[in-house]
């Protein structure tokens, strides 16, 4: 599963609209849409701090979301999955 797909799934499970999530995270609606649709440019990709804030807002596992962003080095990713 890709990061954006998981974010959409978690958002819907929590009964949040993209607009409500954007307000919670203090970002634009278009940014949430871009995240969910994997349409971010390299410079726009979520920072670790944003991913952690997103995980908190969605009551999601921080490590899972970080792994999906590929922001965790491969060696650490393997250890977490074990």
Protein backbone atom coordinates (compact mmCIF):
# COMPACT_ATOMS: atom_id res chain seq x y z
CA UNK A 1 0.00 0.00 0.00
CA UNK A 2 1.18 3.51 -0.75
CA UNK A 3 1.30 6.39 1.71
CA UNK A 4 -1.54 8.35 0.11
CA UNK A 5 -3.83 5.33 -0.05
CA UNK A 6 -3.26 4.63 3.64
CA UNK A 7 -3.90 8.25 4.59
CA UNK A 8 -7.21 8.19 2.67
CA UNK A 9 -8.20 4.90 4.29
CA UNK A 10 -7.42 6.16 7.80
CA UNK A 11 -9.17 9.48 7.18
CA UNK A 12 -12.33 7.74 6.02
CA UNK A 13 -12.23 5.32 8.97
CA UNK A 14 -12.20 8.33 11.29
CA UNK A 15 -15.15 9.91 9.46
CA UNK A 16 -13.15 12.96 8.41
CA UNK A 17 -13.46 14.87 5.17
CA UNK A 18 -10.35 16.13 3.44
CA UNK A 19 -11.40 19.63 4.51
CA UNK A 20 -11.68 18.67 8.19
CA UNK A 21 -8.30 16.94 8.09
CA UNK A 22 -6.74 19.97 6.41
CA UNK A 23 -8.09 22.22 9.17
CA UNK A 24 -6.77 19.87 11.88
CA UNK A 25 -3.33 19.85 10.28
CA UNK A 26 -3.34 23.54 9.35
CA UNK A 27 -2.67 22.85 5.67
CA UNK A 28 -4.67 23.47 2.51
CA UNK A 29 -7.34 21.15 1.22
CA UNK A 30 -5.37 20.86 -2.03
CA UNK A 31 -2.33 19.61 -0.08
CA UNK A 32 -4.37 16.81 1.52
CA UNK A 33 -5.75 15.91 -1.90
CA UNK A 34 -2.23 15.82 -3.36
CA UNK A 35 -1.02 13.61 -0.49
CA UNK A 36 -3.87 11.13 -0.95
CA UNK A 37 -3.47 11.02 -4.73
CA UNK A 38 0.34 10.75 -4.65
CA UNK A 39 0.67 13.96 -6.68
CA UNK A 40 3.28 15.78 -4.64
CA UNK A 41 6.46 17.15 -6.09
CA UNK A 42 9.69 16.10 -4.38
CA UNK A 43 9.92 19.38 -2.46
CA UNK A 44 6.31 19.10 -1.29
CA UNK A 45 6.60 15.59 0.12
CA UNK A 46 5.58 15.43 3.79
CA UNK A 47 8.29 16.05 6.36
CA UNK A 48 8.77 13.68 9.25
CA UNK A 49 7.16 16.27 11.55
CA UNK A 50 4.10 16.46 9.30
CA UNK A 51 3.80 12.67 9.15
CA UNK A 52 3.92 12.47 12.95
CA UNK A 53 1.25 15.19 13.21
CA UNK A 54 -0.84 13.34 10.63
CA UNK A 55 -0.50 10.08 12.55
CA UNK A 56 -1.70 11.79 15.71
CA UNK A 57 -4.68 13.40 13.93
CA UNK A 58 -5.68 10.06 12.42
CA UNK A 59 -4.87 8.03 15.55
CA UNK A 60 -2.54 5.97 13.37
CA UNK A 61 0.74 4.17 13.90
CA UNK A 62 3.57 6.67 13.38
CA UNK A 63 6.06 4.00 12.33
CA UNK A 64 3.71 2.60 9.71
CA UNK A 65 3.19 6.00 8.09
CA UNK A 66 6.88 6.82 8.21
CA UNK A 67 7.69 3.48 6.57
CA UNK A 68 5.23 4.21 3.78
CA UNK A 69 6.92 7.54 3.04
CA UNK A 70 10.29 5.83 2.53
CA UNK A 71 11.83 8.35 4.90
CA UNK A 72 13.22 5.59 7.11
CA UNK A 73 16.56 4.05 6.09
CA UNK A 74 16.27 0.52 4.66
CA UNK A 75 18.15 -1.12 7.56
CA UNK A 76 15.83 0.42 10.13
CA UNK A 77 12.79 -0.43 8.00
CA UNK A 78 13.79 -4.11 8.04
CA UNK A 79 14.25 -4.11 11.83
CA UNK A 80 10.86 -2.48 12.40
CA UNK A 81 9.12 -5.02 10.18
CA UNK A 82 10.76 -7.90 12.02
